[in-house]
């Protein structure tokens, strides 16, 4: 599947779009980490939860579920949420 990478993660991938495999969001992130070591830790914490400043969109729809099912033709977008005042 196609994975769109946000700016803060470009130091890992060197590209805005990469390919990854996985039947779930968690498996896809594990595949990305095999290809780009350290990337998963930037988006998933030590308790295996999504970091609060990261957002995941599958085919344009936000998901908070690491068990979210994925298909080969899906597009996953990883976005860093912005905050401020």
PDB file of N, CA and C in Angstrom:
ATOM      1  N   UNK A   1       0.837  -1.172   0.000  1.00  0.00           N
ATOM      2  CA  UNK A   1       0.000   0.000   0.000  1.00  0.00           C
ATOM      3  C   UNK A   1       0.882   1.235   0.000  1.00  0.00           C
ATOM      4  N   UNK A   2       0.295   2.325  -0.385  1.00  0.00           N
ATOM      5  CA  UNK A   2       1.013   3.591  -0.409  1.00  0.00           C
ATOM      6  C   UNK A   2       0.909   4.240   0.963  1.00  0.00           C
ATOM      7  N   UNK A   3       2.047   4.730   1.465  1.00  0.00           N
ATOM      8  CA  UNK A   3       2.080   5.415   2.756  1.00  0.00           C
ATOM      9  C   UNK A   3       2.634   6.814   2.525  1.00  0.00           C
ATOM     10  N   UNK A   4       1.855   7.820   2.903  1.00  0.00           N
ATOM     11  CA  UNK A   4       2.272   9.214   2.784  1.00  0.00           C
ATOM     12  C   UNK A   4       2.889   9.635   4.116  1.00  0.00           C
ATOM     13  N   UNK A   5       4.081  10.196   4.052  1.00  0.00           N
ATOM     14  CA  UNK A   5       4.884  10.490   5.232  1.00  0.00           C
ATOM     15  C   UNK A   5       4.882  11.993   5.524  1.00  0.00           C
ATOM     16  N   UNK A   6       4.673  12.356   6.787  1.00  0.00           N
ATOM     17  CA  UNK A   6       4.704  13.775   7.172  1.00  0.00           C
ATOM     18  C   UNK A   6       6.151  14.253   7.308  1.00  0.00           C
ATOM     19  N   UNK A   7       6.326  15.546   7.253  1.00  0.00           N
ATOM     20  CA  UNK A   7       7.648  16.170   7.294  1.00  0.00           C
ATOM     21  C   UNK A   7       8.555  15.708   8.425  1.00  0.00           C
ATOM     22  N   UNK A   8       8.069  15.627   9.679  1.00  0.00           N
ATOM     23  CA  UNK A   8       8.952  15.223  10.766  1.00  0.00           C
ATOM     24  C   UNK A   8       9.522  13.801  10.634  1.00  0.00           C
ATOM     25  N   UNK A   9       8.924  12.965   9.800  1.00  0.00           N
ATOM     26  CA  UNK A   9       9.416  11.587   9.631  1.00  0.00           C
ATOM     27  C   UNK A   9      10.283  11.421   8.386  1.00  0.00           C
ATOM     28  N   UNK A  10      10.461  12.478   7.628  1.00  0.00           N
ATOM     29  CA  UNK A  10      11.254  12.380   6.393  1.00  0.00           C
ATOM     30  C   UNK A  10      12.714  12.034   6.653  1.00  0.00           C
ATOM     31  N   UNK A  11      13.214  12.308   7.843  1.00  0.00           N
ATOM     32  CA  UNK A  11      14.602  11.943   8.146  1.00  0.00           C
ATOM     33  C   UNK A  11      14.780  10.420   8.126  1.00  0.00           C
ATOM     34  N   UNK A  12      13.689   9.671   8.281  1.00  0.00           N
ATOM     35  CA  UNK A  12      13.747   8.207   8.220  1.00  0.00           C
ATOM     36  C   UNK A  12      13.612   7.698   6.796  1.00  0.00           C
ATOM     37  N   UNK A  13      12.644   8.226   6.054  1.00  0.00           N
ATOM     38  CA  UNK A  13      12.317   7.673   4.736  1.00  0.00           C
ATOM     39  C   UNK A  13      13.001   8.391   3.577  1.00  0.00           C
ATOM     40  N   UNK A  14      13.321   9.658   3.749  1.00  0.00           N
ATOM     41  CA  UNK A  14      13.896  10.507   2.691  1.00  0.00           C
ATOM     42  C   UNK A  14      12.931  10.714   1.522  1.00  0.00           C
ATOM     43  N   UNK A  15      11.691  10.265   1.670  1.00  0.00           N
ATOM     44  CA  UNK A  15      10.665  10.403   0.623  1.00  0.00           C
ATOM     45  C   UNK A  15       9.317  10.664   1.268  1.00  0.00           C
ATOM     46  N   UNK A  16       8.484  11.426   0.580  1.00  0.00           N
ATOM     47  CA  UNK A  16       7.136  11.731   1.086  1.00  0.00           C
ATOM     48  C   UNK A  16       6.159  10.573   0.916  1.00  0.00           C
ATOM     49  N   UNK A  17       6.450   9.652   0.013  1.00  0.00           N
ATOM     50  CA  UNK A  17       5.583   8.491  -0.204  1.00  0.00           C
ATOM     51  C   UNK A  17       6.446   7.245  -0.318  1.00  0.00           C
ATOM     52  N   UNK A  18       6.047   6.192   0.401  1.00  0.00           N
ATOM     53  CA  UNK A  18       6.753   4.912   0.362  1.00  0.00           C
ATOM     54  C   UNK A  18       5.713   3.801   0.259  1.00  0.00           C
ATOM     55  N   UNK A  19       6.172   2.601  -0.001  1.00  0.00           N
ATOM     56  CA  UNK A  19       5.298   1.430  -0.046  1.00  0.00           C
ATOM     57  C   UNK A  19       5.505   0.611   1.221  1.00  0.00           C
ATOM     58  N   UNK A  20       4.442  -0.031   1.697  1.00  0.00           N
ATOM     59  CA  UNK A  20       4.526  -0.898   2.871  1.00  0.00           C
ATOM     60  C   UNK A  20       3.485  -1.999   2.750  1.00  0.00           C
ATOM     61  N   UNK A  21       3.681  -3.055   3.522  1.00  0.00           N
ATOM     62  CA  UNK A  21       2.757  -4.182   3.565  1.00  0.00           C
ATOM     63  C   UNK A  21       2.217  -4.329   4.976  1.00  0.00           C
ATOM     64  N   UNK A  22       1.081  -4.992   5.096  1.00  0.00           N
ATOM     65  CA  UNK A  22       0.501  -5.290   6.399  1.00  0.00           C
ATOM     66  C   UNK A  22      -1.003  -5.391   6.316  1.00  0.00           C
ATOM     67  N   UNK A  23      -1.552  -6.370   7.022  1.00  0.00           N
ATOM     68  CA  UNK A  23      -3.000  -6.580   7.021  1.00  0.00           C
ATOM     69  C   UNK A  23      -3.708  -5.650   8.000  1.00  0.00           C
ATOM     70  N   UNK A  24      -2.944  -5.058   8.937  1.00  0.00           N
ATOM     71  CA  UNK A  24      -3.499  -4.111   9.901  1.00  0.00           C
ATOM     72  C   UNK A  24      -2.578  -2.899   9.971  1.00  0.00           C
ATOM     73  N   UNK A  25      -3.062  -1.840  10.602  1.00  0.00           N
ATOM     74  CA  UNK A  25      -2.239  -0.657  10.784  1.00  0.00           C
ATOM     75  C   UNK A  25      -0.982  -1.008  11.576  1.00  0.00           C
ATOM     76  N   UNK A  26      -1.114  -1.813  12.610  1.00  0.00           N
ATOM     77  CA  UNK A  26       0.027  -2.222  13.417  1.00  0.00           C
ATOM     78  C   UNK A  26       1.055  -2.981  12.577  1.00  0.00           C
ATOM     79  N   UNK A  27       0.605  -3.905  11.748  1.00  0.00           N
ATOM     80  CA  UNK A  27       1.514  -4.683  10.889  1.00  0.00           C
ATOM     81  C   UNK A  27       2.187  -3.783   9.859  1.00  0.00           C
ATOM     82  N   UNK A  28       1.464  -2.819   9.352  1.00  0.00           N
ATOM     83  CA  UNK A  28       2.032  -1.881   8.386  1.00  0.00           C
ATOM     84  C   UNK A  28       3.128  -1.043   9.041  1.00  0.00           C
ATOM     85  N   UNK A  29       2.892  -0.576  10.264  1.00  0.00           N
ATOM     86  CA  UNK A  29       3.898   0.199  10.975  1.00  0.00           C
ATOM     87  C   UNK A  29       5.126  -0.653  11.291  1.00  0.00           C
ATOM     88  N   UNK A  30       4.920  -1.934  11.581  1.00  0.00           N
ATOM     89  CA  UNK A  30       6.051  -2.835  11.810  1.00  0.00           C
ATOM     90  C   UNK A  30       6.858  -3.005  10.532  1.00  0.00           C
ATOM     91  N   UNK A  31       6.170  -3.121   9.391  1.00  0.00           N
ATOM     92  CA  UNK A  31       6.872  -3.233   8.105  1.00  0.00           C
ATOM     93  C   UNK A  31       7.652  -1.958   7.805  1.00  0.00           C
ATOM     94  N   UNK A  32       7.059  -0.810   8.070  1.00  0.00           N
ATOM     95  CA  UNK A  32       7.769   0.457   7.876  1.00  0.00           C
ATOM     96  C   UNK A  32       9.009   0.521   8.755  1.00  0.00           C
ATOM     97  N   UNK A  33       8.897   0.024   9.994  1.00  0.00           N
ATOM     98  CA  UNK A  33      10.037   0.055  10.902  1.00  0.00           C
ATOM     99  C   UNK A  33      11.155  -0.879  10.446  1.00  0.00           C
ATOM    100  N   UNK A  34      10.804  -1.983   9.808  1.00  0.00           N
ATOM    101  CA  UNK A  34      11.831  -2.879   9.247  1.00  0.00           C
ATOM    102  C   UNK A  34      12.578  -2.170   8.122  1.00  0.00           C
ATOM    103  N   UNK A  35      11.851  -1.420   7.318  1.00  0.00           N
ATOM    104  CA  UNK A  35      12.453  -0.712   6.185  1.00  0.00           C
ATOM    105  C   UNK A  35      13.155   0.579   6.604  1.00  0.00           C
ATOM    106  N   UNK A  36      12.595   1.222   7.630  1.00  0.00           N
ATOM    107  CA  UNK A  36      13.098   2.522   8.096  1.00  0.00           C
ATOM    108  C   UNK A  36      13.208   2.471   9.625  1.00  0.00           C
ATOM    109  N   UNK A  37      14.265   1.843  10.139  1.00  0.00           N
ATOM    110  CA  UNK A  37      14.399   1.632  11.588  1.00  0.00           C
ATOM    111  C   UNK A  37      14.235   2.921  12.396  1.00  0.00           C
ATOM    112  N   UNK A  38      13.436   2.805  13.466  1.00  0.00           N
ATOM    113  CA  UNK A  38      13.187   3.925  14.362  1.00  0.00           C
ATOM    114  C   UNK A  38      11.905   4.675  14.071  1.00  0.00           C
ATOM    115  N   UNK A  39      11.336   4.504  12.891  1.00  0.00           N
ATOM    116  CA  UNK A  39      10.132   5.254  12.516  1.00  0.00           C
ATOM    117  C   UNK A  39       8.953   4.915  13.428  1.00  0.00           C
ATOM    118  N   UNK A  40       8.747   3.632  13.712  1.00  0.00           N
ATOM    119  CA  UNK A  40       7.595   3.228  14.515  1.00  0.00           C
ATOM    120  C   UNK A  40       7.624   3.877  15.894  1.00  0.00           C
ATOM    121  N   UNK A  41       8.800   3.954  16.508  1.00  0.00           N
ATOM    122  CA  UNK A  41       8.895   4.536  17.848  1.00  0.00           C
ATOM    123  C   UNK A  41       8.495   6.008  17.858  1.00  0.00           C
ATOM    124  N   UNK A  42       8.622   6.674  16.752  1.00  0.00           N
ATOM    125  CA  UNK A  42       8.216   8.079  16.670  1.00  0.00           C
ATOM    126  C   UNK A  42       6.701   8.232  16.665  1.00  0.00           C
ATOM    127  N   UNK A  43       5.962   7.175  16.295  1.00  0.00           N
ATOM    128  CA  UNK A  43       4.502   7.284  16.189  1.00  0.00           C
ATOM    129  C   UNK A  43       3.755   6.407  17.201  1.00  0.00           C
ATOM    130  N   UNK A  44       4.439   5.398  17.761  1.00  0.00           N
ATOM    131  CA  UNK A  44       3.838   4.479  18.729  1.00  0.00           C
ATOM    132  C   UNK A  44       4.698   4.490  19.990  1.00  0.00           C
ATOM    133  N   UNK A  45       4.063   4.587  21.164  1.00  0.00           N
ATOM    134  CA  UNK A  45       4.841   4.683  22.406  1.00  0.00           C
ATOM    135  C   UNK A  45       5.207   3.309  22.970  1.00  0.00           C
ATOM    136  N   UNK A  46       5.841   3.313  24.153  1.00  0.00           N
ATOM    137  CA  UNK A  46       6.313   2.077  24.791  1.00  0.00           C
ATOM    138  C   UNK A  46       5.171   1.169  25.250  1.00  0.00           C
ATOM    139  N   UNK A  47       3.976   1.704  25.396  1.00  0.00           N
ATOM    140  CA  UNK A  47       2.803   0.903  25.775  1.00  0.00           C
ATOM    141  C   UNK A  47       2.015   0.439  24.552  1.00  0.00           C
ATOM    142  N   UNK A  48       2.628   0.573  23.381  1.00  0.00           N
ATOM    143  CA  UNK A  48       2.015   0.155  22.112  1.00  0.00           C
ATOM    144  C   UNK A  48       0.730   0.938  21.813  1.00  0.00           C
ATOM    145  N   UNK A  49       0.767   2.232  22.141  1.00  0.00           N
ATOM    146  CA  UNK A  49      -0.355   3.132  21.842  1.00  0.00           C
ATOM    147  C   UNK A  49       0.128   4.224  20.900  1.00  0.00           C
ATOM    148  N   UNK A  50      -0.804   4.745  20.129  1.00  0.00           N
ATOM    149  CA  UNK A  50      -0.473   5.852  19.236  1.00  0.00           C
ATOM    150  C   UNK A  50      -0.059   7.055  20.061  1.00  0.00           C
ATOM    151  N   UNK A  51       1.012   7.702  19.654  1.00  0.00           N
ATOM    152  CA  UNK A  51       1.424   8.924  20.359  1.00  0.00           C
ATOM    153  C   UNK A  51       0.350   9.994  20.129  1.00  0.00           C
ATOM    154  N   UNK A  52       0.063  10.809  21.137  1.00  0.00           N
ATOM    155  CA  UNK A  52      -1.053  11.763  21.040  1.00  0.00           C
ATOM    156  C   UNK A  52      -0.889  12.816  19.947  1.00  0.00           C
ATOM    157  N   UNK A  53       0.315  13.087  19.514  1.00  0.00           N
ATOM    158  CA  UNK A  53       0.522  14.116  18.495  1.00  0.00           C
ATOM    159  C   UNK A  53       0.531  13.543  17.069  1.00  0.00           C
ATOM    160  N   UNK A  54       0.295  12.241  16.933  1.00  0.00           N
ATOM    161  CA  UNK A  54       0.283  11.613  15.602  1.00  0.00           C
ATOM    162  C   UNK A  54      -1.148  11.254  15.211  1.00  0.00           C
ATOM    163  N   UNK A  55      -1.430  11.358  13.916  1.00  0.00           N
ATOM    164  CA  UNK A  55      -2.739  10.998  13.373  1.00  0.00           C
ATOM    165  C   UNK A  55      -2.524  10.060  12.190  1.00  0.00           C
ATOM    166  N   UNK A  56      -3.457   9.125  12.031  1.00  0.00           N
ATOM    167  CA  UNK A  56      -3.395   8.152  10.949  1.00  0.00           C
ATOM    168  C   UNK A  56      -4.697   8.212  10.162  1.00  0.00           C
ATOM    169  N   UNK A  57      -4.570   8.296   8.852  1.00  0.00           N
ATOM    170  CA  UNK A  57      -5.730   8.340   7.967  1.00  0.00           C
ATOM    171  C   UNK A  57      -5.596   7.215   6.946  1.00  0.00           C
ATOM    172  N   UNK A  58      -6.637   6.410   6.828  1.00  0.00           N
ATOM    173  CA  UNK A  58      -6.681   5.339   5.834  1.00  0.00           C
ATOM    174  C   UNK A  58      -7.732   5.740   4.811  1.00  0.00           C
ATOM    175  N   UNK A  59      -7.271   5.930   3.593  1.00  0.00           N
ATOM    176  CA  UNK A  59      -8.157   6.372   2.510  1.00  0.00           C
ATOM    177  C   UNK A  59      -8.937   7.636   2.901  1.00  0.00           C
ATOM    178  N   UNK A  60      -8.258   8.539   3.607  1.00  0.00           N
ATOM    179  CA  UNK A  60      -8.853   9.813   3.978  1.00  0.00           C
ATOM    180  C   UNK A  60      -9.676   9.814   5.248  1.00  0.00           C
ATOM    181  N   UNK A  61      -9.817   8.648   5.890  1.00  0.00           N
ATOM    182  CA  UNK A  61     -10.621   8.566   7.125  1.00  0.00           C
ATOM    183  C   UNK A  61      -9.710   8.303   8.306  1.00  0.00           C
ATOM    184  N   UNK A  62      -9.849   9.119   9.341  1.00  0.00           N
ATOM    185  CA  UNK A  62      -8.988   8.986  10.508  1.00  0.00           C
ATOM    186  C   UNK A  62      -9.306   7.708  11.270  1.00  0.00           C
ATOM    187  N   UNK A  63      -8.260   7.050  11.777  1.00  0.00           N
ATOM    188  CA  UNK A  63      -8.438   5.875  12.616  1.00  0.00           C
ATOM    189  C   UNK A  63      -7.551   5.988  13.839  1.00  0.00           C
ATOM    190  N   UNK A  64      -8.041   5.462  14.951  1.00  0.00           N
ATOM    191  CA  UNK A  64      -7.287   5.431  16.202  1.00  0.00           C
ATOM    192  C   UNK A  64      -7.014   3.987  16.620  1.00  0.00           C
ATOM    193  N   UNK A  65      -7.307   3.049  15.740  1.00  0.00           N
ATOM    194  CA  UNK A  65      -7.258   1.620  16.045  1.00  0.00           C
ATOM    195  C   UNK A  65      -6.072   0.964  15.341  1.00  0.00           C
ATOM    196  N   UNK A  66      -5.093   0.479  16.102  1.00  0.00           N
ATOM    197  CA  UNK A  66      -3.944  -0.198  15.500  1.00  0.00           C
ATOM    198  C   UNK A  66      -4.346  -1.517  14.835  1.00  0.00           C
ATOM    199  N   UNK A  67      -5.513  -2.055  15.202  1.00  0.00           N
ATOM    200  CA  UNK A  67      -6.004  -3.286  14.583  1.00  0.00           C
ATOM    201  C   UNK A  67      -6.824  -3.009  13.316  1.00  0.00           C
ATOM    202  N   UNK A  68      -6.900  -1.743  12.907  1.00  0.00           N
ATOM    203  CA  UNK A  68      -7.659  -1.373  11.712  1.00  0.00           C
ATOM    204  C   UNK A  68      -7.169  -2.200  10.520  1.00  0.00           C
ATOM    205  N   UNK A  69      -8.086  -2.847   9.834  1.00  0.00           N
ATOM    206  CA  UNK A  69      -7.744  -3.697   8.690  1.00  0.00           C
ATOM    207  C   UNK A  69      -7.337  -2.848   7.490  1.00  0.00           C
ATOM    208  N   UNK A  70      -6.309  -3.299   6.788  1.00  0.00           N
ATOM    209  CA  UNK A  70      -5.816  -2.626   5.587  1.00  0.00           C
ATOM    210  C   UNK A  70      -5.832  -3.580   4.406  1.00  0.00           C
ATOM    211  N   UNK A  71      -5.968  -3.007   3.205  1.00  0.00           N
ATOM    212  CA  UNK A  71      -5.919  -3.789   1.966  1.00  0.00           C
ATOM    213  C   UNK A  71      -4.781  -3.245   1.107  1.00  0.00           C
ATOM    214  N   UNK A  72      -4.346  -4.042   0.167  1.00  0.00           N
ATOM    215  CA  UNK A  72      -3.194  -3.683  -0.673  1.00  0.00           C
ATOM    216  C   UNK A  72      -3.384  -2.336  -1.385  1.00  0.00           C
ATOM    217  N   UNK A  73      -4.578  -1.995  -1.795  1.00  0.00           N
ATOM    218  CA  UNK A  73      -4.814  -0.757  -2.536  1.00  0.00           C
ATOM    219  C   UNK A  73      -5.061   0.473  -1.679  1.00  0.00           C
ATOM    220  N   UNK A  74      -5.015   0.314  -0.360  1.00  0.00           N
ATOM    221  CA  UNK A  74      -5.270   1.440   0.535  1.00  0.00           C
ATOM    222  C   UNK A  74      -4.136   2.453   0.512  1.00  0.00           C
ATOM    223  N   UNK A  75      -4.462   3.652   0.956  1.00  0.00           N
ATOM    224  CA  UNK A  75      -3.454   4.693   1.178  1.00  0.00           C
ATOM    225  C   UNK A  75      -3.487   5.069   2.647  1.00  0.00           C
ATOM    226  N   UNK A  76      -2.336   4.986   3.284  1.00  0.00           N
ATOM    227  CA  UNK A  76      -2.192   5.380   4.678  1.00  0.00           C
ATOM    228  C   UNK A  76      -1.441   6.693   4.717  1.00  0.00           C
ATOM    229  N   UNK A  77      -1.981   7.648   5.439  1.00  0.00           N
ATOM    230  CA  UNK A  77      -1.308   8.940   5.613  1.00  0.00           C
ATOM    231  C   UNK A  77      -0.979   9.092   7.090  1.00  0.00           C
ATOM    232  N   UNK A  78       0.294   9.369   7.379  1.00  0.00           N
ATOM    233  CA  UNK A  78       0.745   9.607   8.750  1.00  0.00           C
ATOM    234  C   UNK A  78       0.985  11.106   8.876  1.00  0.00           C
ATOM    235  N   UNK A  79       0.280  11.720   9.834  1.00  0.00           N
ATOM    236  CA  UNK A  79       0.311  13.172   9.984  1.00  0.00           C
ATOM    237  C   UNK A  79       0.664  13.516  11.423  1.00  0.00           C
ATOM    238  N   UNK A  80       1.483  14.530  11.608  1.00  0.00           N
ATOM    239  CA  UNK A  80       1.753  15.027  12.942  1.00  0.00           C
ATOM    240  C   UNK A  80       0.784  16.154  13.241  1.00  0.00           C
ATOM    241  N   UNK A  81       0.026  16.017  14.323  1.00  0.00           N
ATOM    242  CA  UNK A  81      -0.929  17.045  14.719  1.00  0.00           C
ATOM    243  C   UNK A  81      -0.174  18.275  15.205  1.00  0.00           C
ATOM    244  N   UNK A  82      -0.708  19.435  14.921  1.00  0.00           N
ATOM    245  CA  UNK A  82      -0.117  20.689  15.360  1.00  0.00           C
ATOM    246  C   UNK A  82      -0.921  21.245  16.509  1.00  0.00           C
ATOM    247  N   UNK A  83      -0.242  21.906  17.414  1.00  0.00           N
ATOM    248  CA  UNK A  83      -0.940  22.563  18.512  1.00  0.00           C
ATOM    249  C   UNK A  83      -0.264  23.896  18.782  1.00  0.00           C
ATOM    250  N   UNK A  84      -0.895  24.680  19.546  1.00  0.00           N
ATOM    251  CA  UNK A  84      -0.319  25.977  19.866  1.00  0.00           C
ATOM    252  C   UNK A  84      -1.398  26.939  20.314  1.00  0.00           C
ATOM    253  N   UNK A  85      -0.999  28.154  20.502  1.00  0.00           N
ATOM    254  CA  UNK A  85      -1.967  29.110  20.993  1.00  0.00           C
ATOM    255  C   UNK A  85      -1.864  30.425  20.300  1.00  0.00           C
TER     256      UNK A  85
END
